[in-house]
Amino acid sequence: MIRAGLLPARLPTARTALALLLGGTLAASGIGLSHWSGSEKDEAESALARMQRQHAQLATETAQLRQQQPALQAALVHWKTLAARGALLPPAPAMWSSEAARIFARHDIEAETLRFTSTPALERSVETSSARILTHAADIDVGLRHEGRLIPLLTALMAAHGAVVLPRACTLARNDDDAVKHIQARCRLDWLTIATPPQDLAR
């Protein structure tokens, strides 16, 4: 026999048990959703921080490029000038000699055919990934009627196509043995060209 005092005042019905079960399930689901939402928020904040760092880096690089733009534009102008003068073409001593001979003839100056010497260190066949300046030197030894004819001659040689021509040194001496060409001019000039790297190395 079961005593009445030991029985609960009210036994849970099936509906009550189901309600308790659903409540526990929803509570557990709420905890899971809260945890999942917090993890997603952390990932979103991390992604936002990465984007902000990338944006700051791009802004810094853009500012640096803007500061370098004048220098880059000036370098581009110089590069185009060199290309227009043919300084980016391979060295052509034979062509330079022919051009110099025509210049001497226009200035009514007798001169021997130019002989060029190159810098051995710059003529080696080792390929590099940067542009190199190649130097070819030539000496001229000409008789002039007076000193004033030297500058126009050098100016014409410096304007020759196919290289950048720069006078390195000149000496003038009086020639008393020649009644017409009173001045003997000896000059050394450099023919400069630029060797660009091969395409496969420049990439």
Protein backbone atom coordinates (compact mmCIF):
# COMPACT_ATOMS: atom_id res chain seq x y z
CA MET A 1 0.00 0.00 0.00
CA ILE A 2 1.28 3.43 -0.94
CA ARG A 3 0.85 6.13 1.53
CA ALA A 4 -0.87 9.21 0.32
CA GLY A 5 1.68 11.51 1.94
CA LEU A 6 4.53 10.16 -0.23
CA LEU A 7 2.82 10.93 -3.54
CA PRO A 8 3.58 14.25 -5.28
CA ALA A 9 0.85 16.74 -5.08
CA ARG A 10 0.47 16.61 -8.87
CA LEU A 11 1.96 14.18 -11.35
CA PRO A 12 3.30 15.77 -14.55
CA THR A 13 1.13 15.11 -17.50
CA ALA A 14 2.44 14.20 -20.97
CA ARG A 15 1.81 17.76 -22.16
CA THR A 16 3.84 19.20 -19.30
CA ALA A 17 6.74 16.83 -19.96
CA LEU A 18 6.73 17.75 -23.64
CA ALA A 19 6.78 21.44 -22.79
CA LEU A 20 9.75 20.95 -20.47
CA LEU A 21 11.60 18.97 -23.13
CA LEU A 22 10.98 21.62 -25.79
CA GLY A 23 12.07 24.35 -23.40
CA GLY A 24 15.35 22.59 -22.67
CA THR A 25 15.98 22.01 -26.35
CA LEU A 26 15.34 25.66 -27.23
CA ALA A 27 17.58 26.80 -24.39
CA ALA A 28 20.41 24.60 -25.64
CA SER A 29 19.84 25.82 -29.20
CA GLY A 30 19.94 29.41 -27.99
CA ILE A 31 23.34 28.83 -26.41
CA GLY A 32 24.61 27.26 -29.65
CA LEU A 33 23.28 30.11 -31.77
CA SER A 34 24.83 32.65 -29.46
CA HIS A 35 28.20 30.88 -29.68
CA TRP A 36 27.97 30.58 -33.50
CA SER A 37 27.01 34.23 -33.87
CA GLY A 38 29.98 35.31 -31.73
CA SER A 39 32.42 33.24 -33.84
CA GLU A 40 31.01 34.68 -37.06
CA LYS A 41 31.39 38.19 -35.64
CA ASP A 42 35.06 37.55 -34.80
CA GLU A 43 35.75 36.31 -38.33
CA ALA A 44 34.01 39.34 -39.83
CA GLU A 45 36.01 41.72 -37.63
CA SER A 46 39.24 39.92 -38.58
CA ALA A 47 38.41 40.17 -42.29
CA LEU A 48 37.57 43.86 -41.89
CA ALA A 49 40.90 44.47 -40.14
CA ARG A 50 42.76 42.74 -43.00
CA MET A 51 40.95 44.86 -45.58
CA GLN A 52 41.75 48.02 -43.65
CA ARG A 53 45.45 47.09 -43.52
CA GLN A 54 45.46 46.38 -47.26
CA HIS A 55 43.73 49.67 -47.94
CA ALA A 56 46.29 51.54 -45.83
CA GLN A 57 49.15 49.80 -47.66
CA LEU A 58 47.65 50.67 -51.06
CA ALA A 59 47.16 54.27 -49.97
CA THR A 60 50.82 54.47 -48.89
CA GLU A 61 52.06 52.98 -52.17
CA THR A 62 49.83 55.32 -54.17
CA ALA A 63 51.21 58.32 -52.29
CA GLN A 64 54.78 57.16 -52.97
CA LEU A 65 54.03 56.74 -56.68
CA ARG A 66 52.59 60.24 -56.80
CA GLN A 67 55.76 61.60 -55.23
CA GLN A 68 57.89 59.68 -57.75
CA GLN A 69 55.78 60.69 -60.74
CA PRO A 70 57.79 63.84 -61.68
CA ALA A 71 61.07 61.90 -61.58
CA LEU A 72 59.56 59.01 -63.54
CA GLN A 73 58.20 61.38 -66.18
CA ALA A 74 61.59 63.07 -66.51
CA ALA A 75 63.30 59.68 -66.84
CA LEU A 76 60.78 58.67 -69.50
CA VAL A 77 61.51 61.84 -71.47
CA HIS A 78 65.26 61.13 -71.32
CA TRP A 79 64.68 57.52 -72.36
CA LYS A 80 62.60 58.60 -75.35
CA THR A 81 65.32 61.10 -76.29
CA LEU A 82 67.94 58.35 -76.21
CA ALA A 83 65.72 56.13 -78.33
CA ALA A 84 65.19 58.93 -80.87
CA ARG A 85 68.95 59.41 -81.16
CA GLY A 86 69.48 55.71 -81.77
CA ALA A 87 71.40 55.18 -78.54
CA LEU A 88 69.37 52.05 -77.76
CA LEU A 89 70.54 50.33 -80.94
CA PRO A 90 73.55 47.97 -80.98
CA PRO A 91 76.94 49.70 -81.38
CA ALA A 92 77.80 50.41 -85.02
CA PRO A 93 81.39 51.74 -85.32
CA ALA A 94 81.40 51.40 -89.12
CA MET A 95 78.28 53.55 -89.41
CA TRP A 96 79.73 56.08 -86.95
CA SER A 97 82.93 56.34 -89.01
CA SER A 98 80.95 56.96 -92.20
CA GLU A 99 78.83 59.62 -90.50
CA ALA A 100 81.94 61.32 -89.08
CA ALA A 101 83.55 61.32 -92.55
CA ARG A 102 80.50 63.12 -93.98
CA ILE A 103 80.65 65.67 -91.16
CA PHE A 104 84.35 66.32 -91.80
CA ALA A 105 83.61 66.80 -95.51
CA ARG A 106 80.81 69.30 -94.82
CA HIS A 107 83.19 71.31 -92.64
CA ASP A 108 85.94 71.11 -95.27
CA ILE A 109 88.23 69.28 -92.85
CA GLU A 110 90.62 66.51 -93.78
CA ALA A 111 90.73 63.70 -91.24
CA GLU A 112 91.63 60.05 -91.11
CA THR A 113 88.96 57.39 -90.73
CA LEU A 114 87.96 57.09 -87.10
CA ARG A 115 89.09 53.98 -85.26
CA PHE A 116 87.05 53.03 -82.24
CA THR A 117 88.17 51.23 -79.11
CA SER A 118 85.64 49.74 -76.71
CA THR A 119 85.77 49.15 -72.98
CA PRO A 120 86.46 45.41 -72.52
CA ALA A 121 84.54 45.17 -69.25
CA LEU A 122 81.38 46.39 -70.94
CA GLU A 123 81.78 44.19 -74.01
CA ARG A 124 81.69 40.86 -72.17
CA SER A 125 78.86 38.56 -73.16
CA VAL A 126 77.55 37.97 -69.63
CA GLU A 127 73.84 38.69 -69.62
CA THR A 128 72.49 40.88 -66.85
CA SER A 129 69.00 41.94 -65.89
CA SER A 130 69.76 45.68 -66.01
CA ALA A 131 70.69 48.09 -68.77
CA ARG A 132 74.39 48.73 -69.38
CA ILE A 133 76.20 51.69 -70.89
CA LEU A 134 78.66 50.69 -73.60
CA THR A 135 81.52 53.06 -74.35
CA HIS A 136 83.43 53.32 -77.61
CA ALA A 137 86.17 55.94 -77.83
CA ALA A 138 87.72 57.53 -80.90
CA ASP A 139 90.45 60.14 -81.40
CA ILE A 140 90.36 62.87 -84.00
CA ASP A 141 93.44 64.77 -85.14
CA VAL A 142 92.54 67.57 -87.52
CA GLY A 143 93.98 70.82 -88.76
CA LEU A 144 91.83 73.94 -88.41
CA ARG A 145 92.12 77.42 -89.84
CA HIS A 146 91.33 78.91 -86.43
CA GLU A 147 90.08 77.89 -83.00
CA GLY A 148 86.51 78.97 -83.73
CA ARG A 149 85.99 76.07 -86.12
CA LEU A 150 86.39 73.44 -83.40
CA ILE A 151 83.08 74.08 -81.61
CA PRO A 152 80.89 73.70 -84.75
CA LEU A 153 82.76 70.50 -85.61
CA LEU A 154 82.22 69.00 -82.15
CA THR A 155 78.57 70.10 -82.18
CA ALA A 156 78.00 68.30 -85.48
CA LEU A 157 79.67 65.14 -84.20
CA MET A 158 77.60 65.24 -81.00
CA ALA A 159 74.42 65.43 -83.09
CA ALA A 160 75.29 62.28 -85.04
CA HIS A 161 72.64 59.55 -84.98
CA GLY A 162 73.24 56.14 -83.45
CA ALA A 163 74.88 57.09 -80.15
CA VAL A 164 75.34 59.79 -77.55
CA VAL A 165 78.63 61.46 -78.49
CA LEU A 166 80.47 63.29 -75.72
CA PRO A 167 83.87 65.01 -76.00
CA ARG A 168 86.18 63.81 -73.25
CA ALA A 169 89.23 65.99 -73.82
CA CYS A 170 90.70 68.31 -76.44
CA THR A 171 94.09 69.93 -76.90
CA LEU A 172 94.93 72.72 -79.32
CA ALA A 173 98.38 73.48 -80.64
CA ARG A 174 99.61 76.12 -83.05
CA ASN A 175 100.89 74.72 -86.34
CA ASP A 176 103.39 77.12 -87.86
CA ASP A 177 104.31 74.69 -90.64
CA ASP A 178 100.92 75.00 -92.37
CA ALA A 179 100.05 78.36 -93.92
CA VAL A 180 96.30 77.59 -93.96
CA LYS A 181 95.60 75.29 -91.04
CA HIS A 182 97.21 77.17 -88.22
CA ILE A 183 95.64 75.11 -85.43
CA GLN A 184 96.05 71.41 -84.79
CA ALA A 185 93.19 69.96 -82.71
CA ARG A 186 93.41 66.59 -81.02
CA CYS A 187 90.26 65.37 -79.28
CA ARG A 188 89.00 62.17 -77.74
CA LEU A 189 85.27 61.53 -77.96
CA ASP A 190 83.10 58.80 -76.46
CA TRP A 191 80.27 57.16 -78.37
CA LEU A 192 77.82 55.90 -75.73
CA THR A 193 75.07 53.36 -76.31
CA ILE A 194 72.75 51.52 -73.94
CA ALA A 195 72.46 47.75 -74.00
CA THR A 196 69.02 46.77 -72.74
CA PRO A 197 68.52 43.35 -71.07
CA PRO A 198 66.97 40.52 -73.08
CA GLN A 199 63.20 40.27 -72.84
CA ASP A 200 63.27 36.98 -70.94
CA LEU A 201 65.54 38.51 -68.27
CA ALA A 202 63.66 41.80 -68.09
CA ARG A 203 60.39 40.11 -67.15
